[in-house]
Amino acid sequence: MAILVDEKKCTGCGACVICPGDLMALNKETKKAYIKEQKDCWNCMACVKECPVRALTLKLPYQLANYKATLMPEVFEDHIKWTLTDMDGKTEEFVIKTLEKR
């Protein structure tokens, strides 16, 4: 799986730098987020969940969800809504209650 950064959406706020593996950074010139070492990412999605403008997505491997499939979380005070988009653009949503309010 891979974390993808949409540079058009990225505002350079730095929220994604919350990565527990210290893999996310901001480019000094463009002020846009990037992942330092994709292979070291363990897909915890902390960066994706924290991005306020949804500039980060998780690209699912072909074996799990076909080419171009994505999984995107939207964090609310008491739950996380996960949206799975398949290669044909069809979406499916899953809502998970959180243990603590943000």
PDB file of N, CA and C in Angstrom:
ATOM      1  N   MET A   1       0.846  -1.169   0.000  1.00  0.00           N
ATOM      2  CA  MET A   1       0.000   0.000   0.000  1.00  0.00           C
ATOM      3  C   MET A   1       0.891   1.231   0.000  1.00  0.00           C
ATOM      4  N   ALA A   2       0.339   2.324  -0.481  1.00  0.00           N
ATOM      5  CA  ALA A   2       1.144   3.533  -0.593  1.00  0.00           C
ATOM      6  C   ALA A   2       0.333   4.755  -0.176  1.00  0.00           C
ATOM      7  N   ILE A   3       1.005   5.686   0.461  1.00  0.00           N
ATOM      8  CA  ILE A   3       0.402   6.976   0.794  1.00  0.00           C
ATOM      9  C   ILE A   3       0.662   7.906  -0.386  1.00  0.00           C
ATOM     10  N   LEU A   4      -0.401   8.492  -0.910  1.00  0.00           N
ATOM     11  CA  LEU A   4      -0.287   9.413  -2.036  1.00  0.00           C
ATOM     12  C   LEU A   4      -0.620  10.823  -1.568  1.00  0.00           C
ATOM     13  N   VAL A   5       0.159  11.794  -2.027  1.00  0.00           N
ATOM     14  CA  VAL A   5      -0.054  13.199  -1.671  1.00  0.00           C
ATOM     15  C   VAL A   5      -0.558  13.936  -2.907  1.00  0.00           C
ATOM     16  N   ASP A   6      -1.710  14.567  -2.795  1.00  0.00           N
ATOM     17  CA  ASP A   6      -2.240  15.407  -3.862  1.00  0.00           C
ATOM     18  C   ASP A   6      -1.688  16.812  -3.628  1.00  0.00           C
ATOM     19  N   GLU A   7      -0.671  17.182  -4.384  1.00  0.00           N
ATOM     20  CA  GLU A   7      -0.009  18.476  -4.169  1.00  0.00           C
ATOM     21  C   GLU A   7      -0.927  19.659  -4.452  1.00  0.00           C
ATOM     22  N   LYS A   8      -1.966  19.450  -5.252  1.00  0.00           N
ATOM     23  CA  LYS A   8      -2.915  20.536  -5.517  1.00  0.00           C
ATOM     24  C   LYS A   8      -3.760  20.839  -4.280  1.00  0.00           C
ATOM     25  N   LYS A   9      -4.050  19.808  -3.489  1.00  0.00           N
ATOM     26  CA  LYS A   9      -4.851  19.993  -2.276  1.00  0.00           C
ATOM     27  C   LYS A   9      -4.004  20.369  -1.066  1.00  0.00           C
ATOM     28  N   CYS A  10      -2.761  19.909  -1.022  1.00  0.00           N
ATOM     29  CA  CYS A  10      -1.895  20.120   0.140  1.00  0.00           C
ATOM     30  C   CYS A  10      -1.651  21.611   0.369  1.00  0.00           C
ATOM     31  N   THR A  11      -1.894  22.047   1.610  1.00  0.00           N
ATOM     32  CA  THR A  11      -1.688  23.454   1.967  1.00  0.00           C
ATOM     33  C   THR A  11      -0.372  23.677   2.709  1.00  0.00           C
ATOM     34  N   GLY A  12       0.327  22.586   3.013  1.00  0.00           N
ATOM     35  CA  GLY A  12       1.587  22.708   3.734  1.00  0.00           C
ATOM     36  C   GLY A  12       1.412  22.990   5.214  1.00  0.00           C
ATOM     37  N   CYS A  13       0.274  22.609   5.773  1.00  0.00           N
ATOM     38  CA  CYS A  13      -0.003  22.905   7.188  1.00  0.00           C
ATOM     39  C   CYS A  13       0.870  22.093   8.142  1.00  0.00           C
ATOM     40  N   GLY A  14       1.347  20.939   7.698  1.00  0.00           N
ATOM     41  CA  GLY A  14       2.222  20.121   8.532  1.00  0.00           C
ATOM     42  C   GLY A  14       1.516  19.140   9.446  1.00  0.00           C
ATOM     43  N   ALA A  15       0.192  19.046   9.375  1.00  0.00           N
ATOM     44  CA  ALA A  15      -0.544  18.114  10.241  1.00  0.00           C
ATOM     45  C   ALA A  15      -0.095  16.673  10.019  1.00  0.00           C
ATOM     46  N   CYS A  16       0.289  16.332   8.814  1.00  0.00           N
ATOM     47  CA  CYS A  16       0.691  14.963   8.481  1.00  0.00           C
ATOM     48  C   CYS A  16       2.010  14.556   9.130  1.00  0.00           C
ATOM     49  N   VAL A  17       2.764  15.513   9.588  1.00  0.00           N
ATOM     50  CA  VAL A  17       4.068  15.219  10.196  1.00  0.00           C
ATOM     51  C   VAL A  17       3.887  14.489  11.531  1.00  0.00           C
ATOM     52  N   ILE A  18       2.642  14.239  11.920  1.00  0.00           N
ATOM     53  CA  ILE A  18       2.332  13.463  13.122  1.00  0.00           C
ATOM     54  C   ILE A  18       2.778  12.003  12.973  1.00  0.00           C
ATOM     55  N   CYS A  19       3.158  11.605  11.795  1.00  0.00           N
ATOM     56  CA  CYS A  19       3.563  10.216  11.509  1.00  0.00           C
ATOM     57  C   CYS A  19       4.460   9.656  12.613  1.00  0.00           C
ATOM     58  N   PRO A  20       4.042   8.540  13.251  1.00  0.00           N
ATOM     59  CA  PRO A  20       4.858   7.969  14.329  1.00  0.00           C
ATOM     60  C   PRO A  20       6.187   7.397  13.851  1.00  0.00           C
ATOM     61  N   GLY A  21       6.298   7.139  12.557  1.00  0.00           N
ATOM     62  CA  GLY A  21       7.554   6.632  12.005  1.00  0.00           C
ATOM     63  C   GLY A  21       8.452   7.738  11.479  1.00  0.00           C
ATOM     64  N   ASP A  22       8.041   8.994  11.667  1.00  0.00           N
ATOM     65  CA  ASP A  22       8.790  10.158  11.185  1.00  0.00           C
ATOM     66  C   ASP A  22       9.046  10.062   9.681  1.00  0.00           C
ATOM     67  N   LEU A  23       8.027   9.630   8.936  1.00  0.00           N
ATOM     68  CA  LEU A  23       8.184   9.444   7.494  1.00  0.00           C
ATOM     69  C   LEU A  23       7.626  10.592   6.664  1.00  0.00           C
ATOM     70  N   MET A  24       6.778  11.427   7.253  1.00  0.00           N
ATOM     71  CA  MET A  24       6.208  12.547   6.509  1.00  0.00           C
ATOM     72  C   MET A  24       7.014  13.813   6.786  1.00  0.00           C
ATOM     73  N   ALA A  25       7.155  14.625   5.746  1.00  0.00           N
ATOM     74  CA  ALA A  25       7.898  15.879   5.874  1.00  0.00           C
ATOM     75  C   ALA A  25       7.324  16.888   4.888  1.00  0.00           C
ATOM     76  N   LEU A  26       7.735  18.139   5.054  1.00  0.00           N
ATOM     77  CA  LEU A  26       7.353  19.185   4.112  1.00  0.00           C
ATOM     78  C   LEU A  26       8.565  19.550   3.277  1.00  0.00           C
ATOM     79  N   ASN A  27       8.374  19.624   1.979  1.00  0.00           N
ATOM     80  CA  ASN A  27       9.433  20.033   1.070  1.00  0.00           C
ATOM     81  C   ASN A  27       9.774  21.494   1.356  1.00  0.00           C
ATOM     82  N   LYS A  28      11.045  21.790   1.563  1.00  0.00           N
ATOM     83  CA  LYS A  28      11.466  23.148   1.927  1.00  0.00           C
ATOM     84  C   LYS A  28      11.159  24.163   0.837  1.00  0.00           C
ATOM     85  N   GLU A  29      11.211  23.735  -0.418  1.00  0.00           N
ATOM     86  CA  GLU A  29      10.966  24.660  -1.526  1.00  0.00           C
ATOM     87  C   GLU A  29       9.481  24.832  -1.830  1.00  0.00           C
ATOM     88  N   THR A  30       8.774  23.708  -1.973  1.00  0.00           N
ATOM     89  CA  THR A  30       7.366  23.778  -2.367  1.00  0.00           C
ATOM     90  C   THR A  30       6.415  23.916  -1.188  1.00  0.00           C
ATOM     91  N   LYS A  31       6.904  23.609   0.029  1.00  0.00           N
ATOM     92  CA  LYS A  31       6.081  23.618   1.245  1.00  0.00           C
ATOM     93  C   LYS A  31       4.948  22.590   1.172  1.00  0.00           C
ATOM     94  N   LYS A  32       5.126  21.549   0.372  1.00  0.00           N
ATOM     95  CA  LYS A  32       4.137  20.485   0.228  1.00  0.00           C
ATOM     96  C   LYS A  32       4.627  19.230   0.930  1.00  0.00           C
ATOM     97  N   ALA A  33       3.677  18.424   1.393  1.00  0.00           N
ATOM     98  CA  ALA A  33       4.001  17.180   2.097  1.00  0.00           C
ATOM     99  C   ALA A  33       4.552  16.138   1.130  1.00  0.00           C
ATOM    100  N   TYR A  34       5.422  15.301   1.665  1.00  0.00           N
ATOM    101  CA  TYR A  34       5.897  14.134   0.920  1.00  0.00           C
ATOM    102  C   TYR A  34       6.280  13.056   1.918  1.00  0.00           C
ATOM    103  N   ILE A  35       6.316  11.813   1.446  1.00  0.00           N
ATOM    104  CA  ILE A  35       6.715  10.705   2.304  1.00  0.00           C
ATOM    105  C   ILE A  35       8.178  10.399   2.012  1.00  0.00           C
ATOM    106  N   LYS A  36       8.981  10.334   3.062  1.00  0.00           N
ATOM    107  CA  LYS A  36      10.431  10.148   2.912  1.00  0.00           C
ATOM    108  C   LYS A  36      10.767   8.778   2.333  1.00  0.00           C
ATOM    109  N   GLU A  37      10.226   7.724   2.911  1.00  0.00           N
ATOM    110  CA  GLU A  37      10.515   6.352   2.475  1.00  0.00           C
ATOM    111  C   GLU A  37       9.224   5.544   2.466  1.00  0.00           C
ATOM    112  N   GLN A  38       8.613   5.410   1.310  1.00  0.00           N
ATOM    113  CA  GLN A  38       7.350   4.686   1.183  1.00  0.00           C
ATOM    114  C   GLN A  38       7.458   3.257   1.735  1.00  0.00           C
ATOM    115  N   LYS A  39       8.592   2.615   1.504  1.00  0.00           N
ATOM    116  CA  LYS A  39       8.771   1.215   1.923  1.00  0.00           C
ATOM    117  C   LYS A  39       8.769   1.056   3.439  1.00  0.00           C
ATOM    118  N   ASP A  40       9.059   2.117   4.180  1.00  0.00           N
ATOM    119  CA  ASP A  40       9.090   2.043   5.639  1.00  0.00           C
ATOM    120  C   ASP A  40       7.725   2.309   6.283  1.00  0.00           C
ATOM    121  N   CYS A  41       6.773   2.745   5.490  1.00  0.00           N
ATOM    122  CA  CYS A  41       5.434   3.056   6.001  1.00  0.00           C
ATOM    123  C   CYS A  41       4.708   1.762   6.372  1.00  0.00           C
ATOM    124  N   TRP A  42       4.127   1.729   7.576  1.00  0.00           N
ATOM    125  CA  TRP A  42       3.384   0.536   7.993  1.00  0.00           C
ATOM    126  C   TRP A  42       1.878   0.774   7.917  1.00  0.00           C
ATOM    127  N   ASN A  43       1.470   1.804   7.208  1.00  0.00           N
ATOM    128  CA  ASN A  43       0.070   2.064   6.875  1.00  0.00           C
ATOM    129  C   ASN A  43      -0.838   2.272   8.085  1.00  0.00           C
ATOM    130  N   CYS A  44      -0.334   2.961   9.090  1.00  0.00           N
ATOM    131  CA  CYS A  44      -1.166   3.265  10.264  1.00  0.00           C
ATOM    132  C   CYS A  44      -2.189   4.346   9.930  1.00  0.00           C
ATOM    133  N   MET A  45      -1.927   5.110   8.895  1.00  0.00           N
ATOM    134  CA  MET A  45      -2.795   6.164   8.374  1.00  0.00           C
ATOM    135  C   MET A  45      -2.955   7.362   9.304  1.00  0.00           C
ATOM    136  N   ALA A  46      -2.050   7.527  10.259  1.00  0.00           N
ATOM    137  CA  ALA A  46      -2.113   8.697  11.140  1.00  0.00           C
ATOM    138  C   ALA A  46      -2.061   9.980  10.312  1.00  0.00           C
ATOM    139  N   CYS A  47      -1.198  10.016   9.319  1.00  0.00           N
ATOM    140  CA  CYS A  47      -1.056  11.212   8.480  1.00  0.00           C
ATOM    141  C   CYS A  47      -2.328  11.480   7.681  1.00  0.00           C
ATOM    142  N   VAL A  48      -2.929  10.422   7.145  1.00  0.00           N
ATOM    143  CA  VAL A  48      -4.143  10.558   6.338  1.00  0.00           C
ATOM    144  C   VAL A  48      -5.294  11.066   7.199  1.00  0.00           C
ATOM    145  N   LYS A  49      -5.419  10.524   8.406  1.00  0.00           N
ATOM    146  CA  LYS A  49      -6.503  10.926   9.310  1.00  0.00           C
ATOM    147  C   LYS A  49      -6.361  12.375   9.764  1.00  0.00           C
ATOM    148  N   GLU A  50      -5.136  12.863   9.908  1.00  0.00           N
ATOM    149  CA  GLU A  50      -4.912  14.224  10.421  1.00  0.00           C
ATOM    150  C   GLU A  50      -5.013  15.311   9.358  1.00  0.00           C
ATOM    151  N   CYS A  51      -4.889  14.965   8.092  1.00  0.00           N
ATOM    152  CA  CYS A  51      -4.895  15.982   7.033  1.00  0.00           C
ATOM    153  C   CYS A  51      -6.257  16.677   6.962  1.00  0.00           C
ATOM    154  N   PRO A  52      -6.303  17.987   7.241  1.00  0.00           N
ATOM    155  CA  PRO A  52      -7.584  18.698   7.270  1.00  0.00           C
ATOM    156  C   PRO A  52      -8.194  18.935   5.892  1.00  0.00           C
ATOM    157  N   VAL A  53      -7.399  18.822   4.829  1.00  0.00           N
ATOM    158  CA  VAL A  53      -7.919  19.083   3.482  1.00  0.00           C
ATOM    159  C   VAL A  53      -8.001  17.819   2.630  1.00  0.00           C
ATOM    160  N   ARG A  54      -7.775  16.665   3.246  1.00  0.00           N
ATOM    161  CA  ARG A  54      -7.859  15.363   2.577  1.00  0.00           C
ATOM    162  C   ARG A  54      -6.934  15.278   1.361  1.00  0.00           C
ATOM    163  N   ALA A  55      -5.716  15.774   1.537  1.00  0.00           N
ATOM    164  CA  ALA A  55      -4.724  15.734   0.460  1.00  0.00           C
ATOM    165  C   ALA A  55      -3.965  14.411   0.418  1.00  0.00           C
ATOM    166  N   LEU A  56      -4.127  13.589   1.448  1.00  0.00           N
ATOM    167  CA  LEU A  56      -3.437  12.301   1.507  1.00  0.00           C
ATOM    168  C   LEU A  56      -4.446  11.175   1.352  1.00  0.00           C
ATOM    169  N   THR A  57      -4.084  10.177   0.561  1.00  0.00           N
ATOM    170  CA  THR A  57      -4.926   8.995   0.410  1.00  0.00           C
ATOM    171  C   THR A  57      -4.056   7.757   0.498  1.00  0.00           C
ATOM    172  N   LEU A  58      -4.697   6.657   0.799  1.00  0.00           N
ATOM    173  CA  LEU A  58      -4.015   5.372   0.840  1.00  0.00           C
ATOM    174  C   LEU A  58      -4.398   4.614  -0.414  1.00  0.00           C
ATOM    175  N   LYS A  59      -3.407   4.310  -1.248  1.00  0.00           N
ATOM    176  CA  LYS A  59      -3.647   3.520  -2.456  1.00  0.00           C
ATOM    177  C   LYS A  59      -3.543   2.060  -2.062  1.00  0.00           C
ATOM    178  N   LEU A  60      -4.625   1.341  -2.257  1.00  0.00           N
ATOM    179  CA  LEU A  60      -4.655  -0.070  -1.896  1.00  0.00           C
ATOM    180  C   LEU A  60      -3.941  -0.909  -2.948  1.00  0.00           C
ATOM    181  N   PRO A  61      -3.319  -2.004  -2.544  1.00  0.00           N
ATOM    182  CA  PRO A  61      -2.637  -2.855  -3.517  1.00  0.00           C
ATOM    183  C   PRO A  61      -3.642  -3.548  -4.431  1.00  0.00           C
ATOM    184  N   TYR A  62      -3.212  -3.845  -5.634  1.00  0.00           N
ATOM    185  CA  TYR A  62      -4.070  -4.477  -6.634  1.00  0.00           C
ATOM    186  C   TYR A  62      -4.719  -5.748  -6.096  1.00  0.00           C
ATOM    187  N   GLN A  63      -3.972  -6.513  -5.336  1.00  0.00           N
ATOM    188  CA  GLN A  63      -4.484  -7.783  -4.835  1.00  0.00           C
ATOM    189  C   GLN A  63      -5.692  -7.594  -3.915  1.00  0.00           C
ATOM    190  N   LEU A  64      -5.785  -6.458  -3.259  1.00  0.00           N
ATOM    191  CA  LEU A  64      -6.895  -6.213  -2.337  1.00  0.00           C
ATOM    192  C   LEU A  64      -8.075  -5.514  -2.989  1.00  0.00           C
ATOM    193  N   ALA A  65      -7.815  -4.586  -3.880  1.00  0.00           N
ATOM    194  CA  ALA A  65      -8.933  -3.772  -4.361  1.00  0.00           C
ATOM    195  C   ALA A  65      -8.786  -3.272  -5.793  1.00  0.00           C
ATOM    196  N   ASN A  66      -8.008  -3.913  -6.598  1.00  0.00           N
ATOM    197  CA  ASN A  66      -7.810  -3.525  -7.991  1.00  0.00           C
ATOM    198  C   ASN A  66      -7.080  -2.186  -8.126  1.00  0.00           C
ATOM    199  N   TYR A  67      -6.632  -1.902  -9.314  1.00  0.00           N
ATOM    200  CA  TYR A  67      -5.868  -0.704  -9.617  1.00  0.00           C
ATOM    201  C   TYR A  67      -6.712   0.547  -9.393  1.00  0.00           C
ATOM    202  N   LYS A  68      -6.116   1.556  -8.827  1.00  0.00           N
ATOM    203  CA  LYS A  68      -6.715   2.876  -8.574  1.00  0.00           C
ATOM    204  C   LYS A  68      -7.724   2.898  -7.436  1.00  0.00           C
ATOM    205  N   ALA A  69      -7.809   1.865  -6.648  1.00  0.00           N
ATOM    206  CA  ALA A  69      -8.711   1.878  -5.493  1.00  0.00           C
ATOM    207  C   ALA A  69      -8.066   2.672  -4.364  1.00  0.00           C
ATOM    208  N   THR A  70      -8.892   3.402  -3.611  1.00  0.00           N
ATOM    209  CA  THR A  70      -8.377   4.186  -2.486  1.00  0.00           C
ATOM    210  C   THR A  70      -9.245   3.972  -1.251  1.00  0.00           C
ATOM    211  N   LEU A  71      -8.648   4.224  -0.103  1.00  0.00           N
ATOM    212  CA  LEU A  71      -9.346   4.168   1.175  1.00  0.00           C
ATOM    213  C   LEU A  71      -9.082   5.493   1.874  1.00  0.00           C
ATOM    214  N   MET A  72     -10.156   6.217   2.203  1.00  0.00           N
ATOM    215  CA  MET A  72     -10.013   7.560   2.754  1.00  0.00           C
ATOM    216  C   MET A  72     -10.809   7.695   4.048  1.00  0.00           C
ATOM    217  N   PRO A  73     -10.142   8.074   5.154  1.00  0.00           N
ATOM    218  CA  PRO A  73     -10.876   8.295   6.400  1.00  0.00           C
ATOM    219  C   PRO A  73     -11.326   9.747   6.527  1.00  0.00           C
ATOM    220  N   GLU A  74     -12.422   9.937   7.215  1.00  0.00           N
ATOM    221  CA  GLU A  74     -12.873  11.275   7.585  1.00  0.00           C
ATOM    222  C   GLU A  74     -13.139  11.215   9.086  1.00  0.00           C
ATOM    223  N   VAL A  75     -12.380  11.977   9.844  1.00  0.00           N
ATOM    224  CA  VAL A  75     -12.422  11.890  11.301  1.00  0.00           C
ATOM    225  C   VAL A  75     -13.435  12.880  11.873  1.00  0.00           C
ATOM    226  N   PHE A  76     -14.336  12.348  12.698  1.00  0.00           N
ATOM    227  CA  PHE A  76     -15.324  13.158  13.395  1.00  0.00           C
ATOM    228  C   PHE A  76     -15.058  13.059  14.894  1.00  0.00           C
ATOM    229  N   GLU A  77     -15.834  13.765  15.678  1.00  0.00           N
ATOM    230  CA  GLU A  77     -15.594  13.795  17.121  1.00  0.00           C
ATOM    231  C   GLU A  77     -15.749  12.420  17.767  1.00  0.00           C
ATOM    232  N   ASP A  78     -16.738  11.652  17.324  1.00  0.00           N
ATOM    233  CA  ASP A  78     -17.010  10.372  17.978  1.00  0.00           C
ATOM    234  C   ASP A  78     -16.930   9.154  17.053  1.00  0.00           C
ATOM    235  N   HIS A  79     -16.510   9.360  15.802  1.00  0.00           N
ATOM    236  CA  HIS A  79     -16.389   8.236  14.876  1.00  0.00           C
ATOM    237  C   HIS A  79     -15.460   8.593  13.714  1.00  0.00           C
ATOM    238  N   ILE A  80     -15.071   7.562  12.983  1.00  0.00           N
ATOM    239  CA  ILE A  80     -14.298   7.742  11.751  1.00  0.00           C
ATOM    240  C   ILE A  80     -15.101   7.106  10.628  1.00  0.00           C
ATOM    241  N   LYS A  81     -15.319   7.862   9.569  1.00  0.00           N
ATOM    242  CA  LYS A  81     -16.013   7.337   8.397  1.00  0.00           C
ATOM    243  C   LYS A  81     -14.955   6.991   7.350  1.00  0.00           C
ATOM    244  N   TRP A  82     -14.921   5.737   6.944  1.00  0.00           N
ATOM    245  CA  TRP A  82     -13.975   5.265   5.935  1.00  0.00           C
ATOM    246  C   TRP A  82     -14.722   5.135   4.616  1.00  0.00           C
ATOM    247  N   THR A  83     -14.162   5.711   3.555  1.00  0.00           N
ATOM    248  CA  THR A  83     -14.767   5.607   2.234  1.00  0.00           C
ATOM    249  C   THR A  83     -13.820   4.838   1.324  1.00  0.00           C
ATOM    250  N   LEU A  84     -14.303   3.714   0.830  1.00  0.00           N
ATOM    251  CA  LEU A  84     -13.548   2.887  -0.106  1.00  0.00           C
ATOM    252  C   LEU A  84     -14.068   3.193  -1.498  1.00  0.00           C
ATOM    253  N   THR A  85     -13.176   3.600  -2.399  1.00  0.00           N
ATOM    254  CA  THR A  85     -13.543   3.882  -3.779  1.00  0.00           C
ATOM    255  C   THR A  85     -12.837   2.874  -4.666  1.00  0.00           C
ATOM    256  N   ASP A  86     -13.620   2.142  -5.472  1.00  0.00           N
ATOM    257  CA  ASP A  86     -12.997   1.131  -6.329  1.00  0.00           C
ATOM    258  C   ASP A  86     -12.575   1.737  -7.662  1.00  0.00           C
ATOM    259  N   MET A  87     -12.011   0.915  -8.530  1.00  0.00           N
ATOM    260  CA  MET A  87     -11.461   1.408  -9.793  1.00  0.00           C
ATOM    261  C   MET A  87     -12.529   1.972 -10.727  1.00  0.00           C
ATOM    262  N   ASP A  88     -13.795   1.628 -10.515  1.00  0.00           N
ATOM    263  CA  ASP A  88     -14.878   2.145 -11.344  1.00  0.00           C
ATOM    264  C   ASP A  88     -15.523   3.392 -10.744  1.00  0.00           C
ATOM    265  N   GLY A  89     -15.000   3.836  -9.600  1.00  0.00           N
ATOM    266  CA  GLY A  89     -15.534   5.022  -8.955  1.00  0.00           C
ATOM    267  C   GLY A  89     -16.673   4.746  -7.989  1.00  0.00           C
ATOM    268  N   LYS A  90     -17.052   3.484  -7.829  1.00  0.00           N
ATOM    269  CA  LYS A  90     -18.102   3.143  -6.869  1.00  0.00           C
ATOM    270  C   LYS A  90     -17.538   3.269  -5.461  1.00  0.00           C
ATOM    271  N   THR A  91     -18.357   3.772  -4.555  1.00  0.00           N
ATOM    272  CA  THR A  91     -17.889   3.959  -3.182  1.00  0.00           C
ATOM    273  C   THR A  91     -18.712   3.126  -2.206  1.00  0.00           C
ATOM    274  N   GLU A  92     -18.060   2.784  -1.130  1.00  0.00           N
ATOM    275  CA  GLU A  92     -18.698   2.085  -0.025  1.00  0.00           C
ATOM    276  C   GLU A  92     -18.181   2.737   1.246  1.00  0.00           C
ATOM    277  N   GLU A  93     -19.071   3.001   2.193  1.00  0.00           N
ATOM    278  CA  GLU A  93     -18.677   3.678   3.426  1.00  0.00           C
ATOM    279  C   GLU A  93     -18.839   2.765   4.630  1.00  0.00           C
ATOM    280  N   PHE A  94     -17.910   2.913   5.564  1.00  0.00           N
ATOM    281  CA  PHE A  94     -17.933   2.174   6.817  1.00  0.00           C
ATOM    282  C   PHE A  94     -17.748   3.185   7.939  1.00  0.00           C
ATOM    283  N   VAL A  95     -18.538   3.081   8.989  1.00  0.00           N
ATOM    284  CA  VAL A  95     -18.428   3.995  10.122  1.00  0.00           C
ATOM    285  C   VAL A  95     -17.988   3.202  11.346  1.00  0.00           C
ATOM    286  N   ILE A  96     -16.926   3.680  11.976  1.00  0.00           N
ATOM    287  CA  ILE A  96     -16.385   3.050  13.174  1.00  0.00           C
ATOM    288  C   ILE A  96     -16.466   4.057  14.319  1.00  0.00           C
ATOM    289  N   LYS A  97     -17.130   3.689  15.396  1.00  0.00           N
ATOM    290  CA  LYS A  97     -17.192   4.554  16.581  1.00  0.00           C
ATOM    291  C   LYS A  97     -15.823   4.587  17.252  1.00  0.00           C
ATOM    292  N   THR A  98     -15.436   5.740  17.759  1.00  0.00           N
ATOM    293  CA  THR A  98     -14.169   5.856  18.481  1.00  0.00           C
ATOM    294  C   THR A  98     -14.427   5.721  19.977  1.00  0.00           C
ATOM    295  N   LEU A  99     -13.400   5.322  20.696  1.00  0.00           N
ATOM    296  CA  LEU A  99     -13.542   5.120  22.134  1.00  0.00           C
ATOM    297  C   LEU A  99     -13.594   6.432  22.896  1.00  0.00           C
ATOM    298  N   GLU A 100     -12.859   7.425  22.403  1.00  0.00           N
ATOM    299  CA  GLU A 100     -12.802   8.723  23.072  1.00  0.00           C
ATOM    300  C   GLU A 100     -13.144   9.820  22.087  1.00  0.00           C
ATOM    301  N   LYS A 101     -13.737  10.878  22.586  1.00  0.00           N
ATOM    302  CA  LYS A 101     -14.001  12.035  21.733  1.00  0.00           C
ATOM    303  C   LYS A 101     -12.709  12.791  21.514  1.00  0.00           C
ATOM    304  N   ARG A 102     -12.561  13.369  20.344  1.00  0.00           N
ATOM    305  CA  ARG A 102     -11.373  14.165  20.008  1.00  0.00           C
ATOM    306  C   ARG A 102     -11.409  15.482  20.716  1.00  0.00           C
TER     307      ARG A 102
END
